[in-house]
PDB file of all heavy atoms in Angstrom:
ATOM      1  N   SER A   1       9.121   1.711  26.296  1.00  0.00           N
ATOM      2  CA  SER A   1      10.333   2.256  26.553  1.00  0.00           C
ATOM      3  C   SER A   1      11.310   1.669  25.519  1.00  0.00           C
ATOM      4  O   SER A   1      12.323   2.402  25.222  1.00  0.00           O
ATOM      5  CB  SER A   1      10.856   1.678  28.008  1.00  0.00           C
ATOM      6  OG  SER A   1      10.863   0.285  27.985  1.00  0.00           O
ATOM      7  N   THR A   2      11.099   0.569  24.842  1.00  0.00           N
ATOM      8  CA  THR A   2      12.066   0.143  23.779  1.00  0.00           C
ATOM      9  C   THR A   2      12.086   1.103  22.566  1.00  0.00           C
ATOM     10  O   THR A   2      13.050   1.382  22.090  1.00  0.00           O
ATOM     11  CB  THR A   2      11.634  -1.345  23.408  1.00  0.00           C
ATOM     12  OG1 THR A   2      11.756  -2.203  24.462  1.00  0.00           O
ATOM     13  CG2 THR A   2      12.556  -1.783  22.169  1.00  0.00           C
ATOM     14  N   SER A   3      10.771   1.349  22.127  1.00  0.00           N
ATOM     15  CA  SER A   3      10.666   2.271  20.960  1.00  0.00           C
ATOM     16  C   SER A   3      11.375   3.574  21.263  1.00  0.00           C
ATOM     17  O   SER A   3      12.061   4.140  20.418  1.00  0.00           O
ATOM     18  CB  SER A   3       9.247   2.502  20.566  1.00  0.00           C
ATOM     19  OG  SER A   3       8.588   2.922  21.606  1.00  0.00           O
ATOM     20  N   TYR A   4      11.124   4.067  22.482  1.00  0.00           N
ATOM     21  CA  TYR A   4      11.813   5.394  22.841  1.00  0.00           C
ATOM     22  C   TYR A   4      13.307   5.237  22.883  1.00  0.00           C
ATOM     23  O   TYR A   4      13.949   6.111  22.327  1.00  0.00           O
ATOM     24  CB  TYR A   4      11.312   5.890  24.156  1.00  0.00           C
ATOM     25  CG  TYR A   4       9.837   6.511  24.173  1.00  0.00           C
ATOM     26  CD1 TYR A   4       9.002   6.119  25.116  1.00  0.00           C
ATOM     27  CD2 TYR A   4       9.518   7.228  23.168  1.00  0.00           C
ATOM     28  CE1 TYR A   4       7.713   6.646  25.215  1.00  0.00           C
ATOM     29  CE2 TYR A   4       8.142   7.849  22.969  1.00  0.00           C
ATOM     30  CZ  TYR A   4       7.241   7.570  24.096  1.00  0.00           C
ATOM     31  OH  TYR A   4       6.033   7.929  24.042  1.00  0.00           O
ATOM     32  N   ALA A   5      13.789   4.175  23.390  1.00  0.00           N
ATOM     33  CA  ALA A   5      15.184   4.078  23.425  1.00  0.00           C
ATOM     34  C   ALA A   5      15.868   3.882  22.080  1.00  0.00           C
ATOM     35  O   ALA A   5      16.949   4.423  21.806  1.00  0.00           O
ATOM     36  CB  ALA A   5      15.547   2.768  24.363  1.00  0.00           C
ATOM     37  N   VAL A   6      15.145   3.202  21.262  1.00  0.00           N
ATOM     38  CA  VAL A   6      15.595   2.982  19.811  1.00  0.00           C
ATOM     39  C   VAL A   6      15.687   4.302  19.152  1.00  0.00           C
ATOM     40  O   VAL A   6      16.619   4.620  18.404  1.00  0.00           O
ATOM     41  CB  VAL A   6      14.749   1.917  19.114  1.00  0.00           C
ATOM     42  CG1 VAL A   6      15.423   1.741  17.700  1.00  0.00           C
ATOM     43  CG2 VAL A   6      14.960   0.521  19.784  1.00  0.00           C
ATOM     44  N   THR A   7      14.650   5.133  19.238  1.00  0.00           N
ATOM     45  CA  THR A   7      14.621   6.409  18.497  1.00  0.00           C
ATOM     46  C   THR A   7      15.671   7.310  19.000  1.00  0.00           C
ATOM     47  O   THR A   7      16.176   8.099  18.304  1.00  0.00           O
ATOM     48  CB  THR A   7      13.213   7.107  18.629  1.00  0.00           C
ATOM     49  OG1 THR A   7      12.981   7.293  20.061  1.00  0.00           O
ATOM     50  CG2 THR A   7      12.155   6.326  18.007  1.00  0.00           C
ATOM     51  N   ALA A   8      15.996   7.213  20.303  1.00  0.00           N
ATOM     52  CA  ALA A   8      17.045   8.066  20.899  1.00  0.00           C
ATOM     53  C   ALA A   8      18.533   7.633  20.439  1.00  0.00           C
ATOM     54  O   ALA A   8      19.357   8.464  20.316  1.00  0.00           O
ATOM     55  CB  ALA A   8      16.998   8.022  22.359  1.00  0.00           C
ATOM     56  N   HIS A   9      18.704   6.325  20.256  1.00  0.00           N
ATOM     57  CA  HIS A   9      20.128   5.852  20.167  1.00  0.00           C
ATOM     58  C   HIS A   9      20.416   5.035  18.814  1.00  0.00           C
ATOM     59  O   HIS A   9      21.619   4.725  18.669  1.00  0.00           O
ATOM     60  CB  HIS A   9      20.324   4.885  21.309  1.00  0.00           C
ATOM     61  CG  HIS A   9      20.235   5.521  22.673  1.00  0.00           C
ATOM     62  ND1 HIS A   9      21.161   6.531  23.051  1.00  0.00           N
ATOM     63  CD2 HIS A   9      19.341   5.314  23.728  1.00  0.00           C
ATOM     64  CE1 HIS A   9      20.815   7.039  24.393  1.00  0.00           C
ATOM     65  NE2 HIS A   9      19.870   6.445  24.574  1.00  0.00           N
ATOM     66  N   ALA A  10      19.503   4.855  17.990  1.00  0.00           N
ATOM     67  CA  ALA A  10      19.670   4.212  16.709  1.00  0.00           C
ATOM     68  C   ALA A  10      20.806   4.882  15.841  1.00  0.00           C
ATOM     69  O   ALA A  10      20.837   6.205  15.913  1.00  0.00           O
ATOM     70  CB  ALA A  10      18.412   4.035  15.885  1.00  0.00           C
ATOM     71  N   HIS A  11      21.502   4.022  15.175  1.00  0.00           N
ATOM     72  CA  HIS A  11      22.496   4.587  14.216  1.00  0.00           C
ATOM     73  C   HIS A  11      22.000   4.939  12.910  1.00  0.00           C
ATOM     74  O   HIS A  11      22.729   5.497  11.983  1.00  0.00           O
ATOM     75  CB  HIS A  11      23.611   3.624  14.145  1.00  0.00           C
ATOM     76  CG  HIS A  11      24.323   3.242  15.402  1.00  0.00           C
ATOM     77  ND1 HIS A  11      25.013   4.159  16.094  1.00  0.00           N
ATOM     78  CD2 HIS A  11      24.162   2.110  16.231  1.00  0.00           C
ATOM     79  CE1 HIS A  11      25.453   3.687  17.340  1.00  0.00           C
ATOM     80  NE2 HIS A  11      24.902   2.319  17.276  1.00  0.00           N
ATOM     81  N   CYS A  12      20.652   4.751  12.709  1.00  0.00           N
ATOM     82  CA  CYS A  12      20.094   4.997  11.349  1.00  0.00           C
ATOM     83  C   CYS A  12      18.718   5.638  11.713  1.00  0.00           C
ATOM     84  O   CYS A  12      18.318   5.696  12.796  1.00  0.00           O
ATOM     85  CB  CYS A  12      19.955   3.683  10.632  1.00  0.00           C
ATOM     86  SG  CYS A  12      18.899   2.504  11.330  1.00  0.00           S
ATOM     87  N   PRO A  13      18.035   6.150  10.673  1.00  0.00           N
ATOM     88  CA  PRO A  13      16.587   6.569  10.915  1.00  0.00           C
ATOM     89  C   PRO A  13      15.754   5.435  11.609  1.00  0.00           C
ATOM     90  O   PRO A  13      15.806   4.290  11.362  1.00  0.00           O
ATOM     91  CB  PRO A  13      16.133   6.896   9.605  1.00  0.00           C
ATOM     92  CG  PRO A  13      17.239   7.217   8.718  1.00  0.00           C
ATOM     93  CD  PRO A  13      18.359   6.369   9.235  1.00  0.00           C
ATOM     94  N   ALA A  14      14.949   5.973  12.591  1.00  0.00           N
ATOM     95  CA  ALA A  14      14.157   5.048  13.316  1.00  0.00           C
ATOM     96  C   ALA A  14      12.702   5.475  13.233  1.00  0.00           C
ATOM     97  O   ALA A  14      12.356   6.574  13.315  1.00  0.00           O
ATOM     98  CB  ALA A  14      14.509   5.109  14.904  1.00  0.00           C
ATOM     99  N   VAL A  15      11.883   4.409  12.984  1.00  0.00           N
ATOM    100  CA  VAL A  15      10.422   4.703  12.878  1.00  0.00           C
ATOM    101  C   VAL A  15       9.688   3.960  14.009  1.00  0.00           C
ATOM    102  O   VAL A  15       9.866   2.824  14.217  1.00  0.00           O
ATOM    103  CB  VAL A  15       9.831   4.175  11.476  1.00  0.00           C
ATOM    104  CG1 VAL A  15       8.355   4.276  11.367  1.00  0.00           C
ATOM    105  CG2 VAL A  15      10.596   4.944  10.364  1.00  0.00           C
ATOM    106  N   VAL A  16       8.675   4.808  14.590  1.00  0.00           N
ATOM    107  CA  VAL A  16       7.833   4.175  15.540  1.00  0.00           C
ATOM    108  C   VAL A  16       6.421   4.195  14.837  1.00  0.00           C
ATOM    109  O   VAL A  16       6.043   5.321  14.548  1.00  0.00           O
ATOM    110  CB  VAL A  16       7.751   4.923  16.818  1.00  0.00           C
ATOM    111  CG1 VAL A  16       6.750   4.325  17.726  1.00  0.00           C
ATOM    112  CG2 VAL A  16       9.151   4.937  17.439  1.00  0.00           C
ATOM    113  N   VAL A  17       5.801   3.161  14.775  1.00  0.00           N
ATOM    114  CA  VAL A  17       4.494   2.936  14.022  1.00  0.00           C
ATOM    115  C   VAL A  17       3.232   3.192  15.033  1.00  0.00           C
ATOM    116  O   VAL A  17       3.413   2.358  16.006  1.00  0.00           O
ATOM    117  CB  VAL A  17       4.267   1.671  13.364  1.00  0.00           C
ATOM    118  CG1 VAL A  17       3.037   1.556  12.709  1.00  0.00           C
ATOM    119  CG2 VAL A  17       5.361   1.443  12.223  1.00  0.00           C
ATOM    120  N   ARG A  18       2.601   4.232  14.994  1.00  0.00           N
ATOM    121  CA  ARG A  18       1.494   4.561  15.854  1.00  0.00           C
ATOM    122  C   ARG A  18       0.159   4.285  15.361  1.00  0.00           C
ATOM    123  O   ARG A  18      -0.042   4.031  14.071  1.00  0.00           O
ATOM    124  CB  ARG A  18       1.609   6.048  16.057  1.00  0.00           C
ATOM    125  CG  ARG A  18       2.886   6.474  16.699  1.00  0.00           C
ATOM    126  CD  ARG A  18       2.879   6.345  18.231  1.00  0.00           C
ATOM    127  NE  ARG A  18       1.757   6.870  18.899  1.00  0.00           N
ATOM    128  CZ  ARG A  18       1.305   6.416  20.106  1.00  0.00           C
ATOM    129  NH1 ARG A  18       1.874   5.523  20.721  1.00  0.00           N
ATOM    130  NH2 ARG A  18       0.359   7.156  20.589  1.00  0.00           N
ATOM    131  N   GLY A  19      -0.919   4.382  16.133  1.00  0.00           N
ATOM    132  CA  GLY A  19      -2.274   4.284  15.790  1.00  0.00           C
ATOM    133  C   GLY A  19      -2.858   2.830  15.828  1.00  0.00           C
ATOM    134  O   GLY A  19      -2.171   1.941  16.331  1.00  0.00           O
ATOM    135  N   GLN A  20      -4.126   2.815  15.612  1.00  0.00           N
ATOM    136  CA  GLN A  20      -4.904   1.554  15.583  1.00  0.00           C
ATOM    137  C   GLN A  20      -4.805   0.725  14.360  1.00  0.00           C
ATOM    138  O   GLN A  20      -5.202  -0.443  14.237  1.00  0.00           O
ATOM    139  CB  GLN A  20      -6.273   1.892  15.843  1.00  0.00           C
ATOM    140  CG  GLN A  20      -6.661   2.633  17.129  1.00  0.00           C
ATOM    141  CD  GLN A  20      -6.012   1.694  18.386  1.00  0.00           C
ATOM    142  OE1 GLN A  20      -6.357   0.556  18.557  1.00  0.00           O
ATOM    143  NE2 GLN A  20      -5.371   2.471  19.276  1.00  0.00           N
ATOM    144  N   SER A  21      -4.326   1.427  13.298  1.00  0.00           N
ATOM    145  CA  SER A  21      -4.177   0.703  11.933  1.00  0.00           C
ATOM    146  C   SER A  21      -2.944   1.308  11.148  1.00  0.00           C
ATOM    147  O   SER A  21      -2.478   2.454  11.462  1.00  0.00           O
ATOM    148  CB  SER A  21      -5.448   0.845  11.121  1.00  0.00           C
ATOM    149  OG  SER A  21      -5.761   2.183  10.884  1.00  0.00           O
ATOM    150  N   VAL A  22      -2.531   0.678  10.232  1.00  0.00           N
ATOM    151  CA  VAL A  22      -1.294   1.134   9.466  1.00  0.00           C
ATOM    152  C   VAL A  22      -1.705   2.334   8.562  1.00  0.00           C
ATOM    153  O   VAL A  22      -2.683   2.086   7.771  1.00  0.00           O
ATOM    154  CB  VAL A  22      -0.628  -0.088   8.574  1.00  0.00           C
ATOM    155  CG1 VAL A  22       0.530   0.415   7.903  1.00  0.00           C
ATOM    156  CG2 VAL A  22      -0.317  -1.166   9.667  1.00  0.00           C
ATOM    157  N   VAL A  23      -0.899   3.318   8.598  1.00  0.00           N
ATOM    158  CA  VAL A  23      -1.092   4.469   7.556  1.00  0.00           C
ATOM    159  C   VAL A  23       0.253   4.496   6.953  1.00  0.00           C
ATOM    160  O   VAL A  23       1.316   4.499   7.535  1.00  0.00           O
ATOM    161  CB  VAL A  23      -1.430   5.794   8.488  1.00  0.00           C
ATOM    162  CG1 VAL A  23      -1.505   6.858   7.450  1.00  0.00           C
ATOM    163  CG2 VAL A  23      -2.775   5.569   9.330  1.00  0.00           C
ATOM    164  N   HIS A  24       0.129   4.772   5.574  1.00  0.00           N
ATOM    165  CA  HIS A  24       1.272   4.910   4.737  1.00  0.00           C
ATOM    166  C   HIS A  24       1.220   6.383   4.126  1.00  0.00           C
ATOM    167  O   HIS A  24       0.151   6.846   3.842  1.00  0.00           O
ATOM    168  CB  HIS A  24       1.420   3.972   3.740  1.00  0.00           C
ATOM    169  CG  HIS A  24       1.588   2.572   4.271  1.00  0.00           C
ATOM    170  ND1 HIS A  24       2.947   2.043   4.665  1.00  0.00           N
ATOM    171  CD2 HIS A  24       0.700   1.536   4.389  1.00  0.00           C
ATOM    172  CE1 HIS A  24       2.815   0.804   5.169  1.00  0.00           C
ATOM    173  NE2 HIS A  24       1.501   0.501   5.007  1.00  0.00           N
ATOM    174  N   ALA A  25       2.377   6.968   3.926  1.00  0.00           N
ATOM    175  CA  ALA A  25       2.475   8.248   3.124  1.00  0.00           C
ATOM    176  C   ALA A  25       2.004   7.897   1.761  1.00  0.00           C
ATOM    177  O   ALA A  25       2.297   6.894   1.174  1.00  0.00           O
ATOM    178  CB  ALA A  25       3.789   8.831   3.019  1.00  0.00           C
ATOM    179  N   GLY A  26       1.123   8.885   1.188  1.00  0.00           N
ATOM    180  CA  GLY A  26       0.664   8.789  -0.215  1.00  0.00           C
ATOM    181  C   GLY A  26      -0.178  10.038  -0.534  1.00  0.00           C
ATOM    182  O   GLY A  26      -0.113  10.951   0.077  1.00  0.00           O
ATOM    183  N   PRO A  27      -0.706   9.988  -1.813  1.00  0.00           N
ATOM    184  CA  PRO A  27      -1.480  11.089  -2.182  1.00  0.00           C
ATOM    185  C   PRO A  27      -2.505  11.801  -1.206  1.00  0.00           C
ATOM    186  O   PRO A  27      -2.608  13.014  -1.175  1.00  0.00           O
ATOM    187  CB  PRO A  27      -2.141  10.615  -3.377  1.00  0.00           C
ATOM    188  CG  PRO A  27      -1.300   9.529  -3.932  1.00  0.00           C
ATOM    189  CD  PRO A  27      -0.781   8.820  -2.689  1.00  0.00           C
ATOM    190  N   SER A  28      -2.996  10.825  -0.396  1.00  0.00           N
ATOM    191  CA  SER A  28      -3.935  11.511   0.526  1.00  0.00           C
ATOM    192  C   SER A  28      -3.471  11.604   1.908  1.00  0.00           C
ATOM    193  O   SER A  28      -4.174  12.099   2.844  1.00  0.00           O
ATOM    194  CB  SER A  28      -5.324  10.611   0.565  1.00  0.00           C
ATOM    195  OG  SER A  28      -5.978  10.374  -0.628  1.00  0.00           O
ATOM    196  N   HIS A  29      -2.217  11.241   2.179  1.00  0.00           N
ATOM    197  CA  HIS A  29      -1.524  11.348   3.466  1.00  0.00           C
ATOM    198  C   HIS A  29      -0.158  11.885   3.347  1.00  0.00           C
ATOM    199  O   HIS A  29       0.816  11.151   2.897  1.00  0.00           O
ATOM    200  CB  HIS A  29      -1.529   9.831   4.092  1.00  0.00           C
ATOM    201  CG  HIS A  29      -2.777   9.185   4.295  1.00  0.00           C
ATOM    202  ND1 HIS A  29      -3.682   9.584   5.331  1.00  0.00           N
ATOM    203  CD2 HIS A  29      -3.453   8.138   3.640  1.00  0.00           C
ATOM    204  CE1 HIS A  29      -4.695   8.908   5.291  1.00  0.00           C
ATOM    205  NE2 HIS A  29      -4.642   8.103   4.343  1.00  0.00           N
ATOM    206  N   PRO A  30      -0.034  13.036   3.544  1.00  0.00           N
ATOM    207  CA  PRO A  30       1.265  13.852   3.257  1.00  0.00           C
ATOM    208  C   PRO A  30       2.313  13.419   4.306  1.00  0.00           C
ATOM    209  O   PRO A  30       2.045  12.891   5.372  1.00  0.00           O
ATOM    210  CB  PRO A  30       0.803  15.413   3.497  1.00  0.00           C
ATOM    211  CG  PRO A  30      -0.353  15.280   4.436  1.00  0.00           C
ATOM    212  CD  PRO A  30      -1.121  14.084   4.109  1.00  0.00           C
ATOM    213  N   VAL A  31       3.473  13.729   3.888  1.00  0.00           N
ATOM    214  CA  VAL A  31       4.683  13.588   4.745  1.00  0.00           C
ATOM    215  C   VAL A  31       4.820  15.023   5.389  1.00  0.00           C
ATOM    216  O   VAL A  31       4.947  15.982   4.721  1.00  0.00           O
ATOM    217  CB  VAL A  31       6.035  13.180   3.976  1.00  0.00           C
ATOM    218  CG1 VAL A  31       7.095  13.125   4.910  1.00  0.00           C
ATOM    219  CG2 VAL A  31       5.808  11.850   3.276  1.00  0.00           C
ATOM    220  N   VAL A  32       4.985  14.962   6.776  1.00  0.00           N
ATOM    221  CA  VAL A  32       5.218  16.142   7.486  1.00  0.00           C
ATOM    222  C   VAL A  32       6.642  16.231   7.952  1.00  0.00           C
ATOM    223  O   VAL A  32       6.970  15.287   8.698  1.00  0.00           O
ATOM    224  CB  VAL A  32       4.212  16.373   8.724  1.00  0.00           C
ATOM    225  CG1 VAL A  32       4.393  17.542   9.473  1.00  0.00           C
ATOM    226  CG2 VAL A  32       2.688  16.309   8.192  1.00  0.00           C
ATOM    227  N   ALA A  33       7.258  17.209   7.562  1.00  0.00           N
ATOM    228  CA  ALA A  33       8.721  17.308   7.943  1.00  0.00           C
ATOM    229  C   ALA A  33       8.802  18.563   9.002  1.00  0.00           C
ATOM    230  O   ALA A  33       8.428  19.786   8.615  1.00  0.00           O
ATOM    231  CB  ALA A  33       9.616  17.643   6.746  1.00  0.00           C
ATOM    232  N   ALA A  34       9.221  18.264  10.251  1.00  0.00           N
ATOM    233  CA  ALA A  34       9.367  19.388  11.211  1.00  0.00           C
ATOM    234  C   ALA A  34      10.785  19.976  11.072  1.00  0.00           C
ATOM    235  O   ALA A  34      11.788  19.234  10.882  1.00  0.00           O
ATOM    236  CB  ALA A  34       9.262  18.748  12.640  1.00  0.00           C
ATOM    237  N   PHE A  35      10.762  21.325  10.903  1.00  0.00           N
ATOM    238  CA  PHE A  35      12.065  22.030  10.506  1.00  0.00           C
ATOM    239  C   PHE A  35      12.397  23.185  11.421  1.00  0.00           C
ATOM    240  O   PHE A  35      11.520  23.952  11.846  1.00  0.00           O
ATOM    241  CB  PHE A  35      12.027  22.481   9.107  1.00  0.00           C
ATOM    242  CG  PHE A  35      13.173  22.951   8.586  1.00  0.00           C
ATOM    243  CD1 PHE A  35      14.104  22.168   8.066  1.00  0.00           C
ATOM    244  CD2 PHE A  35      13.323  24.465   8.450  1.00  0.00           C
ATOM    245  CE1 PHE A  35      15.272  22.645   7.492  1.00  0.00           C
ATOM    246  CE2 PHE A  35      14.592  24.946   7.841  1.00  0.00           C
ATOM    247  CZ  PHE A  35      15.495  24.028   7.420  1.00  0.00           C
TER     248      PHE A  35
END
């Protein structure tokens, strides 16, 4: 509930880190922009 509240009300971009391990954007991991 904290991560959801922060993403809803933060005054700057908010990131929620998901998954079992850390994934970073890079040549093999694209950035997906929803438009």
